[in-house]
Amino acid sequence: MSILENMLPPYRTDANLRNYDDLYRSFQWDDINGEFSWQETGKVNISHEAIDRHAENPQTSHSVCLSYAYGMRTGKITYRQMKDLSNKCGNMLRKIGVGKGDRVFLFLPKIPELYIALAGCAKIGAVIAPLYSEYREIAVKERMLDGQGSVIITTPQYLPRVPINELPDLQHVILVGALPDAPVSEAIIWDEAMDHASTELDLEWVDREFPLLLTYTSGPTGKPIGLIHPHDSMRGYLATARWVLDLRDDDVVWTQAEPGWLMNVVYSAFAPWLCGVQTFITGKIKDVTELLNAVEKNGVTVLYTIPTLYRMIIDAGAECIRTYNLQSLRHLLSALEPLYPEMIYSVMRLLGIPIHDTWWTAETGMITIANFPSVSIKPGYLGKPCPGITVAVVDEQGNELPPFTMGQIALKAGWPAMVRGIWGNEERYQSYFRQTPWFITGDTAYVDFNGYFFYQGRADDVIITSGGRIGPSEIENVLTSHPAVAEAGVIRVPDATGVKKVKAFVCLRPNYKPTELLKSKIIAYVESRLQPESAPKEITFCESLPKTKSGKILRRVLKAWEWGLPTGNIASLRDE
């Protein structure tokens, strides 16, 4: 039996979502409206639902909202305290003229002030524009010019990467942790301004469709595009926090993701807070010791991160893992890069818990396909659609394709967190809907007879052979199931006659040496598990693969390597 056909039984029968099939058949998004106070009051603001209603409830006001360990800074903030702090932030911003609809850019590490600012901006109707913490000057400039940001909240360490004099719309710089010799004399010092701000704030009530977030992603031409997400996203955040993250009142959820990613904004902040749950934050994880220490010392129960961190656990091995008390962990999730089946099995052997993969994009705004705790896992597959979301695999004309036929992942428009626009580019936004009624994602997949989706890669990475179309992820999954292969990336290249063939770039596991014999064995291994035309005809061994910060393989860098073209600054490409 193929490694892709082995099924893992449901991990939890007591999950929040216990009968996936029944709920998927019956659920409508209006069914969840009663969970929010605006259903009765008509007053809408995500921060009220995520922070204030817990702070105003005597039973939850002293529950921990945010715990943190950033360098020497450690502590906890209750929902009552977070209400006061975010109110202060809102008043501080209003005092300098920030109003409803103004864009406030957040260029911060993963520190408490980032989360206070997220809640505070939303409270006054400002549009939150998070930036990746490793952006350089050009990337910051492009996004702030496009979004016409009037305020940026950052640190003295990040400030040199903000080209203040080249941003005509920028009116105020707010510095967190500023030193006495702050490099901008007119900068507002966060601590001082917060000290003078009131804890009483009149919230800005908004329409559910009013913009909450402006998040940037790479466009088809390389120019960043700003995606607009509304306050109504809260319905999707709450649903997926309960059904996919399976959050309960006593959980400590750790979503370890780059502070500027939508994944961090949604699943490290608003989604857990809507459930009244404690979220834990920390800085960058450099090694497995930091990772496991954080879990042990902070009682993390739910870990949502990227495959890179799970690779750390696998590489550490059982002897290292046994030195930590990880009994608090009950649920593992992954995002942003497909999980190889062997990674799921390896982590399960080490921790006794399977990783649940999730799929979503900046445009979908929330998890849309997932492996749910109460549903069997098909390793290597993304899982099944979230209730309330219709997902299909379609061809170029928008026709649904039968099982095991590769096409583009398409979603029927109408889920709450769906991108509502592209800042200043309506034409580009409408291109998502070129095949009515579908929202075309640009990712390719196939679906099996039981409704599990298998990710194949971006549409422009599809490999066409005489045996049909196949995505790079399917080939890479088989490659990494070989005992010698740690990681693999594949591209299509022409042979001497111009016919496309598959080439693989392979990183070997320790104790394996790169030889011609090993190449032939790996190729034969893949040929025995896929159609021969889909197996790599050529393999290049390498020390590492070029990746984005989220762990996605940079195939265009692999192509540049193959063709002897300049790759540019790979470090900057990692920010994508």
Protein backbone atom coordinates (compact mmCIF):
# COMPACT_ATOMS: atom_id res chain seq x y z
CA MET A 1 0.00 0.00 0.00
CA SER A 2 1.27 3.49 -0.86
CA ILE A 3 2.29 5.73 2.00
CA LEU A 4 -0.42 8.14 0.78
CA GLU A 5 -3.14 5.52 1.27
CA ASN A 6 -2.53 4.77 4.96
CA MET A 7 -5.24 6.31 7.12
CA LEU A 8 -4.84 7.45 10.70
CA PRO A 9 -7.97 7.07 12.83
CA PRO A 10 -9.62 10.15 14.38
CA TYR A 11 -7.36 11.48 17.09
CA ARG A 12 -10.09 12.83 19.38
CA THR A 13 -13.65 11.59 19.67
CA ASP A 14 -14.42 14.34 22.21
CA ALA A 15 -13.52 17.21 19.88
CA ASN A 16 -15.68 20.33 19.62
CA LEU A 17 -16.68 19.18 16.14
CA ARG A 18 -17.75 15.58 16.65
CA ASN A 19 -19.74 14.77 13.52
CA TYR A 20 -18.10 16.46 10.57
CA ASP A 21 -20.40 15.03 7.90
CA ASP A 22 -23.60 16.13 9.64
CA LEU A 23 -22.35 19.65 10.29
CA TYR A 24 -20.93 20.05 6.79
CA ARG A 25 -24.30 19.13 5.28
CA SER A 26 -26.35 21.44 7.49
CA PHE A 27 -24.21 24.42 8.50
CA GLN A 28 -24.96 27.93 7.22
CA TRP A 29 -22.89 30.93 8.26
CA ASP A 30 -25.88 32.67 9.83
CA ASP A 31 -26.05 29.76 12.29
CA ILE A 32 -23.07 31.20 14.17
CA ASN A 33 -24.36 34.77 14.42
CA GLY A 34 -25.90 34.13 17.83
CA GLU A 35 -22.40 33.72 19.29
CA PHE A 36 -21.81 37.46 18.91
CA SER A 37 -23.33 40.34 20.87
CA TRP A 38 -23.98 42.28 17.65
CA GLN A 39 -26.73 39.83 16.78
CA GLU A 40 -28.83 41.54 19.48
CA THR A 41 -27.27 45.00 19.76
CA GLY A 42 -26.47 45.68 16.12
CA LYS A 43 -23.12 47.14 17.28
CA VAL A 44 -20.18 45.57 15.45
CA ASN A 45 -16.48 45.67 16.31
CA ILE A 46 -14.21 42.63 16.40
CA SER A 47 -12.27 43.90 19.42
CA HIS A 48 -15.45 44.16 21.45
CA GLU A 49 -16.22 40.51 20.71
CA ALA A 50 -12.62 39.34 21.15
CA ILE A 51 -11.62 41.40 24.22
CA ASP A 52 -14.25 43.58 25.87
CA ARG A 53 -17.08 41.08 26.28
CA HIS A 54 -14.72 38.73 28.15
CA ALA A 55 -13.33 41.63 30.20
CA GLU A 56 -16.82 42.73 31.20
CA ASN A 57 -17.88 39.22 32.27
CA PRO A 58 -16.99 38.61 35.96
CA GLN A 59 -16.36 34.93 35.19
CA THR A 60 -13.75 35.64 32.50
CA SER A 61 -12.38 39.12 33.22
CA HIS A 62 -9.38 37.72 35.11
CA SER A 63 -8.70 34.92 32.63
CA VAL A 64 -5.35 35.22 30.86
CA CYS A 65 -5.63 36.75 27.42
CA LEU A 66 -1.93 36.87 26.51
CA SER A 67 1.16 35.29 28.03
CA TYR A 68 4.58 36.12 26.69
CA ALA A 69 8.26 35.25 26.92
CA TYR A 70 10.34 37.57 24.77
CA GLY A 71 13.96 37.70 25.82
CA MET A 72 14.00 38.81 29.44
CA ARG A 73 10.38 39.97 29.26
CA THR A 74 7.88 37.49 30.63
CA GLY A 75 4.39 38.01 31.94
CA LYS A 76 0.67 37.62 31.54
CA ILE A 77 -2.13 40.00 30.58
CA THR A 78 -5.73 39.29 31.58
CA TYR A 79 -8.74 40.16 29.46
CA ARG A 80 -9.54 43.00 31.86
CA GLN A 81 -6.02 44.36 31.48
CA MET A 82 -6.07 43.91 27.70
CA LYS A 83 -9.29 45.91 27.50
CA ASP A 84 -7.65 48.79 29.37
CA LEU A 85 -4.41 48.60 27.37
CA SER A 86 -6.15 48.45 24.00
CA ASN A 87 -8.40 51.34 25.06
CA LYS A 88 -5.28 53.34 25.89
CA CYS A 89 -3.83 52.48 22.49
CA GLY A 90 -7.02 53.57 20.76
CA ASN A 91 -7.03 56.88 22.64
CA MET A 92 -3.34 57.43 21.89
CA LEU A 93 -4.03 56.98 18.16
CA ARG A 94 -7.12 59.18 18.20
CA LYS A 95 -5.15 61.94 19.91
CA ILE A 96 -2.79 62.15 16.93
CA GLY A 97 -5.66 62.20 14.47
CA VAL A 98 -6.09 58.56 13.50
CA GLY A 99 -9.68 57.92 12.55
CA LYS A 100 -11.99 55.38 11.00
CA GLY A 101 -10.49 53.89 7.85
CA ASP A 102 -6.96 55.24 8.35
CA ARG A 103 -4.21 52.69 7.74
CA VAL A 104 -1.88 51.99 10.66
CA PHE A 105 1.16 49.90 9.76
CA LEU A 106 2.57 47.59 12.43
CA PHE A 107 6.27 46.82 11.98
CA LEU A 108 7.05 45.00 15.20
CA PRO A 109 8.53 41.80 16.58
CA LYS A 110 6.31 39.38 18.45
CA ILE A 111 5.98 41.46 21.61
CA PRO A 112 2.92 42.34 23.71
CA GLU A 113 2.67 45.80 22.14
CA LEU A 114 1.94 44.21 18.76
CA TYR A 115 -1.16 42.52 20.18
CA ILE A 116 -2.26 45.57 22.12
CA ALA A 117 -2.00 47.55 18.89
CA LEU A 118 -4.02 44.96 16.95
CA ALA A 119 -6.91 45.27 19.39
CA GLY A 120 -6.53 49.04 19.83
CA CYS A 121 -6.52 49.84 16.11
CA ALA A 122 -9.62 47.76 15.50
CA LYS A 123 -11.43 49.51 18.36
CA ILE A 124 -11.24 52.90 16.64
CA GLY A 125 -11.97 51.58 13.15
CA ALA A 126 -8.39 51.98 11.92
CA VAL A 127 -7.29 49.49 9.29
CA ILE A 128 -4.47 47.25 10.52
CA ALA A 129 -1.58 46.74 8.08
CA PRO A 130 0.97 44.26 9.50
CA LEU A 131 4.46 44.07 8.00
CA TYR A 132 6.89 41.15 8.02
CA SER A 133 9.52 41.82 10.65
CA GLU A 134 12.39 41.13 8.24
CA TYR A 135 11.29 43.46 5.45
CA ARG A 136 14.00 45.75 4.20
CA GLU A 137 13.60 49.39 3.22
CA ILE A 138 12.30 48.82 -0.32
CA ALA A 139 9.64 46.33 0.81
CA VAL A 140 8.44 48.66 3.58
CA LYS A 141 8.35 51.61 1.19
CA GLU A 142 6.36 49.77 -1.51
CA ARG A 143 3.67 48.67 0.92
CA MET A 144 3.35 51.92 2.81
CA LEU A 145 3.17 53.94 -0.40
CA ASP A 146 0.50 51.64 -1.77
CA GLY A 147 -1.54 51.63 1.44
CA GLN A 148 -1.01 55.35 2.09
CA GLY A 149 -0.14 54.63 5.70
CA SER A 150 -0.44 57.64 7.98
CA VAL A 151 1.06 55.97 11.06
CA ILE A 152 3.65 53.29 11.67
CA ILE A 153 4.26 51.62 15.02
CA THR A 154 7.75 50.13 15.16
CA THR A 155 10.90 49.83 17.27
CA PRO A 156 14.20 51.74 17.24
CA GLN A 157 15.83 48.59 15.88
CA TYR A 158 13.46 48.38 12.90
CA LEU A 159 13.27 52.14 12.29
CA PRO A 160 16.33 52.34 9.99
CA ARG A 161 14.36 50.18 7.54
CA VAL A 162 11.54 52.73 7.36
CA PRO A 163 12.31 55.36 4.66
CA ILE A 164 10.48 58.15 6.47
CA ASN A 165 11.41 60.91 4.04
CA GLU A 166 10.08 58.92 1.07
CA LEU A 167 6.60 58.34 2.51
CA PRO A 168 4.47 61.44 1.85
CA ASP A 169 1.40 60.08 3.66
CA LEU A 170 3.28 59.18 6.83
CA GLN A 171 2.41 61.62 9.60
CA HIS A 172 3.49 59.86 12.78
CA VAL A 173 6.06 57.32 13.93
CA ILE A 174 5.36 55.58 17.22
CA LEU A 175 8.38 53.89 18.79
CA VAL A 176 8.06 50.93 21.14
CA GLY A 177 10.94 50.51 23.56
CA ALA A 178 12.57 53.75 22.45
CA LEU A 179 15.90 54.80 23.88
CA PRO A 180 16.62 58.38 25.07
CA ASP A 181 18.57 59.01 21.88
CA ALA A 182 15.76 57.90 19.61
CA PRO A 183 16.80 58.53 16.01
CA VAL A 184 13.64 60.48 15.15
CA SER A 185 13.26 63.50 17.37
CA GLU A 186 9.57 63.94 16.55
CA ALA A 187 8.71 60.29 17.17
CA ILE A 188 6.00 59.46 19.68
CA ILE A 189 7.28 57.23 22.47
CA TRP A 190 4.82 54.40 23.06
CA ASP A 191 5.32 54.10 26.82
CA GLU A 192 4.97 57.83 27.43
CA ALA A 193 1.89 58.18 25.24
CA MET A 194 0.26 55.12 26.78
CA ASP A 195 0.91 56.42 30.29
CA HIS A 196 -1.03 59.60 29.49
CA ALA A 197 -3.90 57.87 27.66
CA SER A 198 -7.24 57.12 29.30
CA THR A 199 -8.57 53.62 29.82
CA GLU A 200 -12.04 54.84 28.86
CA LEU A 201 -12.73 54.64 25.12
CA ASP A 202 -15.78 55.11 22.94
CA LEU A 203 -15.57 52.23 20.48
CA GLU A 204 -16.06 52.90 16.80
CA TRP A 205 -18.98 50.73 15.79
CA VAL A 206 -18.70 49.62 12.19
CA ASP A 207 -20.55 47.68 9.53
CA ARG A 208 -19.60 44.00 9.35
CA GLU A 209 -18.16 44.64 5.89
CA PHE A 210 -15.94 47.49 7.10
CA PRO A 211 -12.20 46.85 6.54
CA LEU A 212 -10.28 45.36 9.44
CA LEU A 213 -7.01 44.31 7.81
CA LEU A 214 -4.84 45.33 4.88
CA THR A 215 -2.38 42.48 4.35
CA TYR A 216 0.17 42.35 1.58
CA THR A 217 1.09 39.42 -0.62
CA SER A 218 3.08 39.07 -3.81
CA GLY A 219 1.18 39.83 -7.00
CA PRO A 220 1.58 38.10 -10.38
CA THR A 221 4.05 40.76 -11.55
CA GLY A 222 6.01 40.76 -8.30
CA LYS A 223 4.49 44.03 -7.10
CA PRO A 224 2.83 43.56 -3.70
CA ILE A 225 -0.95 43.70 -3.58
CA GLY A 226 -2.94 44.78 -0.53
CA LEU A 227 -5.74 42.42 0.46
CA ILE A 228 -8.69 43.89 2.35
CA HIS A 229 -10.41 41.74 5.00
CA PRO A 230 -13.53 42.86 6.93
CA HIS A 231 -14.64 42.78 10.56
CA ASP A 232 -17.08 40.05 9.49
CA SER A 233 -14.05 37.75 9.30
CA MET A 234 -14.69 37.18 13.01
CA ARG A 235 -17.33 34.58 12.15
CA GLY A 236 -14.78 32.51 10.25
CA TYR A 237 -12.13 33.04 12.91
CA LEU A 238 -14.40 31.76 15.67
CA ALA A 239 -15.63 28.75 13.69
CA THR A 240 -12.18 27.55 12.70
CA ALA A 241 -10.74 28.20 16.16
CA ARG A 242 -13.36 25.84 17.58
CA TRP A 243 -13.51 23.22 14.84
CA VAL A 244 -9.94 23.09 13.55
CA LEU A 245 -7.82 24.31 16.48
CA ASP A 246 -10.40 22.66 18.78
CA LEU A 247 -9.94 25.40 21.40
CA ARG A 248 -11.43 25.01 24.89
CA ASP A 249 -11.60 27.42 27.82
CA ASP A 250 -8.48 26.09 29.57
CA ASP A 251 -6.24 25.93 26.51
CA VAL A 252 -2.94 27.71 25.98
CA VAL A 253 -2.55 28.09 22.22
CA TRP A 254 0.81 28.87 20.66
CA THR A 255 0.67 29.94 17.03
CA GLN A 256 4.32 30.31 16.19
CA ALA A 257 4.40 32.36 13.01
CA GLU A 258 6.09 35.49 11.72
CA PRO A 259 4.46 38.53 13.37
CA GLY A 260 3.56 40.07 10.02
CA TRP A 261 1.81 36.98 8.66
CA LEU A 262 -1.95 36.81 8.55
CA MET A 263 -1.57 33.48 10.35
CA ASN A 264 -0.24 35.35 13.37
CA VAL A 265 -2.88 38.08 13.33
CA VAL A 266 -5.73 35.58 13.04
CA TYR A 267 -4.67 32.50 14.99
CA SER A 268 -2.35 34.05 17.56
CA ALA A 269 -4.71 36.92 18.36
CA PHE A 270 -8.30 37.36 17.22
CA ALA A 271 -9.35 33.71 16.83
CA PRO A 272 -8.21 32.53 20.29
CA TRP A 273 -9.53 35.72 21.88
CA LEU A 274 -12.96 35.22 20.35
CA CYS A 275 -12.97 31.90 22.23
CA GLY A 276 -11.78 33.56 25.44
CA VAL A 277 -8.61 31.47 25.34
CA GLN A 278 -5.04 32.25 26.43
CA THR A 279 -2.56 32.78 23.60
CA PHE A 280 1.17 32.44 24.18
CA ILE A 281 3.78 34.41 22.23
CA THR A 282 7.54 34.39 22.06
CA GLY A 283 10.33 35.48 19.75
CA LYS A 284 11.98 33.56 16.95
CA ILE A 285 12.71 29.92 17.68
CA LYS A 286 16.32 29.17 16.82
CA ASP A 287 16.54 25.52 17.87
CA VAL A 288 14.60 22.62 19.31
CA THR A 289 15.68 23.46 22.87
CA GLU A 290 13.90 26.82 22.69
CA LEU A 291 10.86 25.16 21.14
CA LEU A 292 10.46 22.41 23.72
CA ASN A 293 11.34 24.68 26.65
CA ALA A 294 8.58 27.05 25.59
CA VAL A 295 6.03 24.24 25.45
CA GLU A 296 7.07 22.82 28.82
CA LYS A 297 7.41 26.06 30.79
CA ASN A 298 4.22 27.66 29.47
CA GLY A 299 1.92 24.64 29.49
CA VAL A 300 1.15 24.90 25.79
CA THR A 301 -1.77 22.67 24.86
CA VAL A 302 -2.30 23.56 21.19
CA LEU A 303 0.62 24.22 18.84
CA TYR A 304 -0.02 25.70 15.39
CA THR A 305 3.09 26.35 13.35
CA ILE A 306 4.97 25.56 10.15
CA PRO A 307 6.71 22.30 9.15
CA THR A 308 10.14 23.79 9.85
CA LEU A 309 9.55 23.54 13.60
CA TYR A 310 8.30 19.97 13.33
CA ARG A 311 11.48 19.11 11.45
CA MET A 312 13.40 20.40 14.47
CA ILE A 313 11.55 17.90 16.65
CA ILE A 314 12.22 15.04 14.25
CA ASP A 315 15.90 15.90 13.93
CA ALA A 316 16.26 16.09 17.73
CA GLY A 317 15.16 12.48 18.14
CA ALA A 318 13.53 10.52 20.93
CA GLU A 319 16.39 10.80 23.43
CA CYS A 320 16.20 14.60 23.37
CA ILE A 321 12.40 14.68 23.46
CA ARG A 322 12.29 12.48 26.56
CA THR A 323 14.15 15.11 28.60
CA TYR A 324 11.14 17.45 28.41
CA ASN A 325 7.71 17.21 29.99
CA LEU A 326 5.40 17.76 27.04
CA GLN A 327 2.28 16.20 28.53
CA SER A 328 0.34 19.45 28.23
CA LEU A 329 0.37 19.17 24.42
CA ARG A 330 -2.88 17.74 23.10
CA HIS A 331 -3.21 19.09 19.54
CA LEU A 332 -0.71 19.83 16.76
CA LEU A 333 -1.43 21.75 13.57
CA SER A 334 0.59 22.91 10.59
CA ALA A 335 0.20 25.44 7.78
CA LEU A 336 1.77 27.21 4.81
CA GLU A 337 3.61 24.20 3.38
CA PRO A 338 2.25 20.68 2.69
CA LEU A 339 3.24 18.04 5.22
CA TYR A 340 5.07 15.00 3.93
CA PRO A 341 3.43 11.80 5.23
CA GLU A 342 6.68 10.64 6.82
CA MET A 343 6.79 13.85 8.87
CA ILE A 344 3.37 13.08 10.33
CA TYR A 345 4.40 9.53 11.22
CA SER A 346 7.73 10.65 12.70
CA VAL A 347 6.17 13.28 14.96
CA MET A 348 3.49 10.84 16.03
CA ARG A 349 6.15 8.30 17.02
CA LEU A 350 7.98 10.95 19.05
CA LEU A 351 5.07 12.81 20.67
CA GLY A 352 2.18 10.39 20.36
CA ILE A 353 0.13 13.07 18.58
CA PRO A 354 -0.48 13.43 14.84
CA ILE A 355 0.01 16.76 13.07
CA HIS A 356 -3.19 18.09 11.51
CA ASP A 357 -2.48 19.90 8.26
CA THR A 358 -4.43 23.01 7.26
CA TRP A 359 -4.73 24.86 3.98
CA TRP A 360 -5.62 28.47 3.40
CA THR A 361 -4.21 31.54 1.71
CA ALA A 362 -3.95 35.25 2.35
CA GLU A 363 -6.96 35.62 0.05
CA THR A 364 -9.15 33.09 1.86
CA GLY A 365 -8.40 34.88 5.15
CA MET A 366 -9.05 31.82 7.31
CA ILE A 367 -8.50 28.08 7.32
CA THR A 368 -10.62 26.60 4.55
CA ILE A 369 -9.43 22.98 4.26
CA ALA A 370 -8.17 21.01 7.24
CA ASN A 371 -7.66 17.71 8.95
CA PHE A 372 -10.11 17.85 11.86
CA PRO A 373 -9.41 16.14 15.22
CA SER A 374 -12.52 13.95 14.95
CA VAL A 375 -11.94 12.92 11.32
CA SER A 376 -9.50 10.31 10.02
CA ILE A 377 -6.25 11.75 8.68
CA LYS A 378 -5.04 10.76 5.24
CA PRO A 379 -1.32 11.57 5.53
CA GLY A 380 -0.08 13.75 2.71
CA TYR A 381 -3.55 15.18 2.10
CA LEU A 382 -4.72 18.64 3.17
CA GLY A 383 -7.95 17.30 4.62
CA LYS A 384 -11.57 18.27 3.99
CA PRO A 385 -13.36 21.62 3.55
CA CYS A 386 -14.50 23.55 6.59
CA PRO A 387 -18.27 23.54 7.16
CA GLY A 388 -19.82 26.50 5.40
CA ILE A 389 -17.30 26.43 2.55
CA THR A 390 -17.87 24.72 -0.79
CA VAL A 391 -14.57 23.64 -2.34
CA ALA A 392 -14.00 21.95 -5.68
CA VAL A 393 -11.26 21.21 -8.17
CA VAL A 394 -12.07 22.89 -11.49
CA ASP A 395 -10.64 23.16 -14.98
CA GLU A 396 -9.79 26.32 -16.93
CA GLN A 397 -13.48 26.85 -17.76
CA GLY A 398 -14.66 26.49 -14.16
CA ASN A 399 -16.10 22.99 -14.61
CA GLU A 400 -15.84 20.68 -11.62
CA LEU A 401 -13.44 17.84 -12.25
CA PRO A 402 -13.94 14.21 -11.20
CA PRO A 403 -11.90 12.63 -8.38
CA PHE A 404 -8.17 12.20 -8.91
CA THR A 405 -8.13 14.75 -11.74
CA MET A 406 -5.83 17.67 -11.15
CA GLY A 407 -7.11 21.21 -11.51
CA GLN A 408 -7.28 24.45 -9.56
CA ILE A 409 -8.70 24.70 -6.05
CA ALA A 410 -11.85 26.83 -6.24
CA LEU A 411 -14.17 28.04 -3.49
CA LYS A 412 -17.72 29.31 -3.85
CA ALA A 413 -17.73 32.96 -2.80
CA GLY A 414 -19.43 34.01 0.41
CA TRP A 415 -17.43 32.79 3.40
CA PRO A 416 -16.89 35.49 6.07
CA ALA A 417 -13.11 36.03 5.85
CA MET A 418 -12.92 36.07 2.05
CA VAL A 419 -10.83 38.94 0.73
CA ARG A 420 -13.20 41.82 -0.07
CA GLY A 421 -10.92 43.77 -2.35
CA ILE A 422 -7.42 44.65 -3.45
CA TRP A 423 -6.31 48.09 -2.40
CA GLY A 424 -6.48 50.32 -5.48
CA ASN A 425 -6.84 47.44 -7.94
CA GLU A 426 -10.43 46.39 -8.58
CA GLU A 427 -9.53 44.74 -11.89
CA ARG A 428 -7.06 42.40 -10.21
CA TYR A 429 -9.65 41.58 -7.54
CA GLN A 430 -12.28 40.64 -10.10
CA SER A 431 -9.81 38.24 -11.73
CA TYR A 432 -10.28 35.92 -8.75
CA PHE A 433 -13.89 35.44 -9.91
CA ARG A 434 -13.23 34.86 -13.60
CA GLN A 435 -15.07 31.53 -13.49
CA THR A 436 -18.44 32.27 -11.85
CA PRO A 437 -19.41 31.23 -9.16
CA TRP A 438 -15.91 30.19 -8.20
CA PHE A 439 -13.14 32.03 -6.39
CA ILE A 440 -10.03 30.72 -8.19
CA THR A 441 -7.10 30.34 -5.81
CA GLY A 442 -4.22 29.60 -8.17
CA ASP A 443 -3.32 26.46 -6.19
CA THR A 444 -3.70 23.05 -7.82
CA ALA A 445 -4.94 19.84 -6.27
CA TYR A 446 -7.05 16.78 -6.81
CA VAL A 447 -9.77 15.37 -4.57
CA ASP A 448 -10.30 11.69 -3.80
CA PHE A 449 -13.59 9.79 -3.62
CA ASN A 450 -13.97 10.60 0.09
CA GLY A 451 -13.54 14.36 -0.23
CA TYR A 452 -9.89 14.62 0.83
CA PHE A 453 -7.87 17.22 -1.07
CA PHE A 454 -4.29 16.57 -2.16
CA TYR A 455 -2.21 19.67 -2.80
CA GLN A 456 -0.14 19.73 -5.98
CA GLY A 457 1.45 23.18 -6.01
CA ARG A 458 0.87 26.51 -7.69
CA ALA A 459 -0.76 26.37 -11.10
CA ASP A 460 2.39 27.52 -12.84
CA ASP A 461 4.39 24.71 -11.18
CA VAL A 462 2.29 21.90 -12.68
CA ILE A 463 4.33 19.27 -14.50
CA ILE A 464 2.86 17.90 -17.73
CA THR A 465 4.12 14.51 -18.87
CA SER A 466 2.96 11.96 -21.42
CA GLY A 467 1.08 10.34 -18.57
CA GLY A 468 -0.91 13.48 -17.74
CA ARG A 469 -0.55 16.35 -15.28
CA ILE A 470 1.05 15.99 -11.88
CA GLY A 471 1.93 18.48 -9.18
CA PRO A 472 5.41 18.79 -7.68
CA SER A 473 4.14 18.04 -4.17
CA GLU A 474 3.04 14.54 -5.13
CA ILE A 475 6.49 13.72 -6.48
CA GLU A 476 8.19 15.36 -3.50
CA ASN A 477 6.07 13.33 -1.08
CA VAL A 478 7.26 10.09 -2.65
CA LEU A 479 10.87 11.29 -2.74
CA THR A 480 10.87 12.16 0.97
CA SER A 481 9.40 8.78 1.86
CA HIS A 482 12.70 7.26 0.68
CA PRO A 483 14.89 6.59 3.74
CA ALA A 484 17.82 8.58 2.33
CA VAL A 485 15.89 11.74 1.47
CA ALA A 486 15.37 14.52 4.02
CA GLU A 487 13.93 17.14 1.67
CA ALA A 488 13.24 17.44 -2.03
CA GLY A 489 12.14 20.02 -4.57
CA VAL A 490 11.21 19.25 -8.16
CA ILE A 491 10.90 21.32 -11.31
CA ARG A 492 10.32 20.57 -14.97
CA VAL A 493 13.21 21.06 -17.37
CA PRO A 494 13.62 20.31 -21.09
CA ASP A 495 15.77 17.41 -22.24
CA ALA A 496 17.98 17.50 -25.33
CA THR A 497 14.94 17.17 -27.61
CA GLY A 498 12.96 19.89 -25.85
CA VAL A 499 10.59 17.46 -24.12
CA LYS A 500 9.86 18.37 -20.50
CA LYS A 501 11.23 16.07 -17.83
CA VAL A 502 11.25 16.10 -14.05
CA LYS A 503 14.38 17.11 -12.20
CA ALA A 504 14.76 16.78 -8.43
CA PHE A 505 16.96 18.69 -6.00
CA VAL A 506 17.52 16.43 -3.01
CA CYS A 507 18.90 16.97 0.50
CA LEU A 508 20.11 13.73 2.05
CA ARG A 509 19.68 12.53 5.60
CA PRO A 510 22.77 12.15 7.81
CA ASN A 511 24.92 9.10 7.09
CA TYR A 512 23.97 8.98 3.40
CA LYS A 513 26.54 9.95 0.78
CA PRO A 514 25.68 11.48 -2.61
CA THR A 515 26.57 8.83 -5.18
CA GLU A 516 25.42 7.91 -8.66
CA LEU A 517 24.21 4.59 -7.31
CA LEU A 518 22.02 6.35 -4.75
CA LYS A 519 20.59 8.57 -7.49
CA SER A 520 19.56 5.55 -9.52
CA LYS A 521 18.03 3.88 -6.47
CA ILE A 522 15.98 6.97 -5.63
CA ILE A 523 14.76 7.29 -9.22
CA ALA A 524 13.79 3.61 -9.30
CA TYR A 525 12.01 4.03 -5.97
CA VAL A 526 9.86 6.85 -7.33
CA GLU A 527 9.19 5.00 -10.60
CA SER A 528 7.84 2.06 -8.61
CA ARG A 529 5.35 4.32 -6.80
CA LEU A 530 4.33 6.76 -9.53
CA GLN A 531 4.02 6.46 -13.28
CA PRO A 532 7.55 6.32 -14.74
CA GLU A 533 7.01 9.58 -16.65
CA SER A 534 6.48 11.39 -13.34
CA ALA A 535 9.70 10.17 -11.73
CA PRO A 536 12.73 12.45 -11.87
CA LYS A 537 15.10 11.70 -14.71
CA GLU A 538 17.84 13.71 -13.06
CA ILE A 539 18.80 14.41 -9.45
CA THR A 540 21.09 17.06 -8.02
CA PHE A 541 22.15 16.63 -4.41
CA CYS A 542 22.38 19.84 -2.38
CA GLU A 543 23.00 20.91 1.21
CA SER A 544 19.76 22.88 1.51
CA LEU A 545 16.79 24.06 -0.52
CA PRO A 546 15.88 27.72 -1.06
CA LYS A 547 12.69 28.48 0.83
CA THR A 548 10.45 31.28 1.94
CA LYS A 549 10.25 32.01 5.66
CA SER A 550 7.09 29.91 5.79
CA GLY A 551 9.01 26.93 4.42
CA LYS A 552 7.67 26.91 0.87
CA ILE A 553 10.24 25.85 -1.70
CA LEU A 554 11.33 28.67 -4.01
CA ARG A 555 11.03 26.77 -7.27
CA ARG A 556 12.02 29.75 -9.35
CA VAL A 557 15.37 29.74 -7.56
CA LEU A 558 15.73 26.05 -8.40
CA LYS A 559 14.99 26.94 -12.03
CA ALA A 560 17.59 29.72 -11.90
CA TRP A 561 20.13 27.24 -10.55
CA GLU A 562 19.31 24.85 -13.37
CA TRP A 563 19.60 27.43 -16.11
CA GLY A 564 22.59 29.26 -14.67
CA LEU A 565 20.63 32.46 -14.16
CA PRO A 566 21.15 34.98 -11.34
CA THR A 567 18.95 34.29 -8.35
CA GLY A 568 19.04 37.80 -6.95
CA ASN A 569 18.95 38.24 -3.21
CA ILE A 570 17.59 34.95 -1.89
CA ALA A 571 17.34 36.46 1.60
CA SER A 572 14.82 39.00 0.30
CA LEU A 573 12.88 36.28 -1.51
CA ARG A 574 12.47 34.52 1.83
CA ASP A 575 10.21 37.38 2.93
CA GLU A 576 7.52 36.37 0.44
